């Protein structure tokens, strides 16, 4: 498993994990339990990991989602 992104909290990580899994990419949050139960130990964030052979596809999906979210926030960007 390869870490593709580190999120600031477990809610964000869970949302991105769901996005990846909805696109057929297995995603693992190795820090999820720590982030939920020992917040003071989770200061380094919550990592999302995917299989090595799916890294490029996973990064593309996350980049597309980020671009779409940016377009939704700035309606003039779509012009």
N, C-alpha and C. Protein backbone atom coordinates (compact mmCIF):
# COMPACT_ATOMS: atom_id res chain seq x y z
N UNK A 1 0.84 -1.18 0.00
CA UNK A 1 0.00 0.00 0.00
C UNK A 1 0.89 1.25 0.00
N UNK A 2 0.45 2.24 -0.77
CA UNK A 2 1.20 3.49 -0.92
C UNK A 2 0.32 4.65 -0.44
N UNK A 3 0.91 5.53 0.35
CA UNK A 3 0.18 6.72 0.80
C UNK A 3 0.09 7.70 -0.36
N UNK A 4 -1.15 8.10 -0.69
CA UNK A 4 -1.32 9.05 -1.80
C UNK A 4 -1.68 10.45 -1.31
N UNK A 5 -2.19 10.55 -0.09
CA UNK A 5 -2.54 11.86 0.46
C UNK A 5 -2.65 11.73 1.98
N UNK A 6 -2.38 12.83 2.67
CA UNK A 6 -2.58 12.90 4.11
C UNK A 6 -3.59 14.00 4.37
N UNK A 7 -4.68 13.63 5.02
CA UNK A 7 -5.76 14.57 5.30
C UNK A 7 -5.60 15.17 6.70
N UNK A 8 -6.21 16.32 6.91
CA UNK A 8 -6.07 16.99 8.20
C UNK A 8 -6.94 16.35 9.28
N UNK A 9 -7.97 15.59 8.87
CA UNK A 9 -8.82 14.94 9.87
C UNK A 9 -9.44 13.68 9.30
N UNK A 10 -10.01 12.87 10.18
CA UNK A 10 -10.55 11.59 9.74
C UNK A 10 -11.83 11.73 8.92
N UNK A 11 -12.58 12.81 9.11
CA UNK A 11 -13.80 13.02 8.31
C UNK A 11 -13.45 13.24 6.84
N UNK A 12 -12.45 14.08 6.59
CA UNK A 12 -12.00 14.32 5.23
C UNK A 12 -11.45 13.03 4.60
N UNK A 13 -10.66 12.31 5.38
CA UNK A 13 -10.08 11.05 4.90
C UNK A 13 -11.17 10.04 4.56
N UNK A 14 -12.19 9.94 5.39
CA UNK A 14 -13.29 9.01 5.13
C UNK A 14 -14.06 9.37 3.87
N UNK A 15 -14.24 10.68 3.65
CA UNK A 15 -14.94 11.12 2.45
C UNK A 15 -14.15 10.74 1.20
N UNK A 16 -12.84 10.98 1.22
CA UNK A 16 -12.01 10.64 0.07
C UNK A 16 -11.89 9.13 -0.11
N UNK A 17 -11.85 8.39 0.98
CA UNK A 17 -11.85 6.93 0.90
C UNK A 17 -13.12 6.45 0.19
N UNK A 18 -14.25 7.02 0.55
CA UNK A 18 -15.52 6.65 -0.08
C UNK A 18 -15.50 6.96 -1.57
N UNK A 19 -14.94 8.11 -1.94
CA UNK A 19 -14.83 8.49 -3.35
C UNK A 19 -14.00 7.48 -4.12
N UNK A 20 -12.86 7.11 -3.57
CA UNK A 20 -11.99 6.15 -4.24
C UNK A 20 -12.68 4.79 -4.36
N UNK A 21 -13.29 4.33 -3.29
CA UNK A 21 -13.95 3.03 -3.31
C UNK A 21 -15.14 3.02 -4.27
N UNK A 22 -15.83 4.15 -4.39
CA UNK A 22 -16.94 4.25 -5.34
C UNK A 22 -16.45 4.12 -6.78
N UNK A 23 -15.17 4.43 -6.98
CA UNK A 23 -14.55 4.30 -8.30
C UNK A 23 -13.76 3.00 -8.45
N UNK A 24 -14.00 2.08 -7.54
CA UNK A 24 -13.40 0.75 -7.64
C UNK A 24 -11.97 0.63 -7.15
N UNK A 25 -11.50 1.61 -6.40
CA UNK A 25 -10.13 1.56 -5.89
C UNK A 25 -10.16 1.27 -4.39
N UNK A 26 -9.56 0.16 -3.96
CA UNK A 26 -9.50 -0.13 -2.53
C UNK A 26 -8.67 0.95 -1.83
N UNK A 27 -9.17 1.48 -0.73
CA UNK A 27 -8.46 2.52 0.00
C UNK A 27 -8.45 2.16 1.48
N UNK A 28 -7.32 2.40 2.12
CA UNK A 28 -7.11 2.03 3.52
C UNK A 28 -6.69 3.27 4.29
N UNK A 29 -7.25 3.44 5.48
CA UNK A 29 -6.90 4.56 6.36
C UNK A 29 -6.18 4.00 7.59
N UNK A 30 -4.86 3.87 7.52
CA UNK A 30 -4.14 3.25 8.63
C UNK A 30 -4.19 4.04 9.92
N UNK A 31 -4.50 5.33 9.85
CA UNK A 31 -4.52 6.19 11.03
C UNK A 31 -5.92 6.48 11.55
N UNK A 32 -6.94 5.88 10.94
CA UNK A 32 -8.32 6.23 11.28
C UNK A 32 -8.64 5.98 12.75
N UNK A 33 -8.29 4.84 13.26
CA UNK A 33 -8.60 4.53 14.65
C UNK A 33 -7.89 5.49 15.60
N UNK A 34 -6.63 5.77 15.34
CA UNK A 34 -5.88 6.70 16.17
C UNK A 34 -6.49 8.09 16.11
N UNK A 35 -6.87 8.53 14.92
CA UNK A 35 -7.43 9.87 14.75
C UNK A 35 -8.76 10.02 15.49
N UNK A 36 -9.51 8.93 15.59
CA UNK A 36 -10.81 8.99 16.25
C UNK A 36 -10.72 8.85 17.76
N UNK A 37 -9.77 8.05 18.25
CA UNK A 37 -9.73 7.75 19.67
C UNK A 37 -8.65 8.48 20.45
N UNK A 38 -7.62 8.90 19.78
CA UNK A 38 -6.52 9.59 20.46
C UNK A 38 -6.13 10.82 19.65
N UNK A 39 -7.00 11.79 19.66
CA UNK A 39 -6.84 12.98 18.82
C UNK A 39 -5.48 13.64 19.02
N UNK A 40 -4.99 13.66 20.25
CA UNK A 40 -3.70 14.31 20.52
C UNK A 40 -2.53 13.58 19.86
N UNK A 41 -2.70 12.30 19.46
CA UNK A 41 -1.66 11.57 18.75
C UNK A 41 -1.81 11.69 17.24
N UNK A 42 -2.88 12.24 16.77
CA UNK A 42 -3.18 12.27 15.34
C UNK A 42 -2.78 13.59 14.69
N UNK A 43 -1.89 14.33 15.31
CA UNK A 43 -1.51 15.63 14.81
C UNK A 43 -0.86 15.61 13.44
N UNK A 44 -0.35 14.47 13.03
CA UNK A 44 0.30 14.40 11.73
C UNK A 44 -0.67 14.11 10.60
N UNK A 45 -1.94 13.97 10.90
CA UNK A 45 -2.95 13.76 9.89
C UNK A 45 -3.38 12.31 9.76
N UNK A 46 -4.23 12.10 8.78
CA UNK A 46 -4.80 10.77 8.53
C UNK A 46 -4.47 10.39 7.08
N UNK A 47 -3.66 9.35 6.94
CA UNK A 47 -3.18 8.95 5.60
C UNK A 47 -4.21 8.10 4.87
N UNK A 48 -4.23 8.24 3.55
CA UNK A 48 -5.02 7.36 2.68
C UNK A 48 -4.02 6.57 1.85
N UNK A 49 -4.16 5.25 1.88
CA UNK A 49 -3.27 4.38 1.13
C UNK A 49 -4.07 3.54 0.14
N UNK A 50 -3.45 3.29 -1.01
CA UNK A 50 -4.05 2.46 -2.05
C UNK A 50 -3.01 1.47 -2.54
N UNK A 51 -3.44 0.40 -3.22
CA UNK A 51 -2.47 -0.54 -3.78
C UNK A 51 -1.54 0.17 -4.76
N UNK A 52 -0.30 -0.28 -4.80
CA UNK A 52 0.72 0.37 -5.63
C UNK A 52 0.31 0.46 -7.10
N UNK A 53 -0.37 -0.55 -7.61
CA UNK A 53 -0.75 -0.55 -9.02
C UNK A 53 -1.94 0.36 -9.33
N UNK A 54 -2.52 0.99 -8.31
CA UNK A 54 -3.67 1.89 -8.52
C UNK A 54 -3.37 3.34 -8.15
N UNK A 55 -2.11 3.63 -7.82
CA UNK A 55 -1.73 4.97 -7.35
C UNK A 55 -2.06 6.05 -8.37
N UNK A 56 -1.66 5.88 -9.62
CA UNK A 56 -1.89 6.91 -10.63
C UNK A 56 -3.38 7.16 -10.83
N UNK A 57 -4.16 6.11 -10.90
CA UNK A 57 -5.60 6.24 -11.08
C UNK A 57 -6.23 6.95 -9.88
N UNK A 58 -5.81 6.58 -8.68
CA UNK A 58 -6.36 7.20 -7.47
C UNK A 58 -6.02 8.69 -7.42
N UNK A 59 -4.80 9.04 -7.75
CA UNK A 59 -4.41 10.46 -7.75
C UNK A 59 -5.21 11.25 -8.78
N UNK A 60 -5.47 10.64 -9.94
CA UNK A 60 -6.27 11.32 -10.97
C UNK A 60 -7.69 11.57 -10.46
N UNK A 61 -8.29 10.58 -9.82
CA UNK A 61 -9.64 10.72 -9.30
C UNK A 61 -9.70 11.84 -8.26
N UNK A 62 -8.73 11.87 -7.36
CA UNK A 62 -8.71 12.93 -6.34
C UNK A 62 -8.48 14.30 -6.97
N UNK A 63 -7.61 14.38 -7.97
CA UNK A 63 -7.36 15.66 -8.65
C UNK A 63 -8.61 16.14 -9.38
N UNK A 64 -9.31 15.23 -10.04
CA UNK A 64 -10.55 15.59 -10.73
C UNK A 64 -11.59 16.09 -9.74
N UNK A 65 -11.69 15.43 -8.60
CA UNK A 65 -12.67 15.84 -7.58
C UNK A 65 -12.31 17.21 -7.01
N UNK A 66 -11.02 17.46 -6.81
CA UNK A 66 -10.58 18.76 -6.30
C UNK A 66 -10.88 19.86 -7.32
N UNK A 67 -10.64 19.58 -8.59
CA UNK A 67 -10.91 20.57 -9.64
C UNK A 67 -12.40 20.86 -9.73
N UNK A 68 -13.21 19.82 -9.63
CA UNK A 68 -14.66 20.00 -9.67
C UNK A 68 -15.14 20.81 -8.48
N UNK A 69 -14.59 20.56 -7.30
CA UNK A 69 -14.97 21.32 -6.11
C UNK A 69 -14.57 22.79 -6.26
N UNK A 70 -13.40 23.04 -6.84
CA UNK A 70 -12.96 24.42 -7.07
C UNK A 70 -13.88 25.13 -8.04
N UNK A 71 -14.34 24.43 -9.08
CA UNK A 71 -15.27 25.02 -10.04
C UNK A 71 -16.60 25.36 -9.37
N UNK A 72 -17.04 24.48 -8.46
CA UNK A 72 -18.29 24.72 -7.74
C UNK A 72 -18.19 25.94 -6.84
N UNK A 73 -17.00 26.19 -6.27
CA UNK A 73 -16.80 27.33 -5.38
C UNK A 73 -16.65 28.63 -6.15
N UNK A 74 -16.15 28.58 -7.37
CA UNK A 74 -15.90 29.77 -8.17
C UNK A 74 -16.61 29.62 -9.53
N UNK A 75 -17.87 30.06 -9.60
CA UNK A 75 -18.64 29.89 -10.83
C UNK A 75 -18.00 30.55 -12.05
N UNK A 76 -17.20 31.60 -11.85
CA UNK A 76 -16.56 32.27 -12.98
C UNK A 76 -15.43 31.43 -13.58
N UNK A 77 -14.90 30.47 -12.83
CA UNK A 77 -13.82 29.62 -13.33
C UNK A 77 -14.29 28.75 -14.47
N UNK A 78 -15.57 28.44 -14.54
CA UNK A 78 -16.11 27.60 -15.59
C UNK A 78 -16.30 28.36 -16.91
N UNK A 79 -16.23 29.68 -16.88
CA UNK A 79 -16.44 30.48 -18.09
C UNK A 79 -15.28 30.40 -19.03
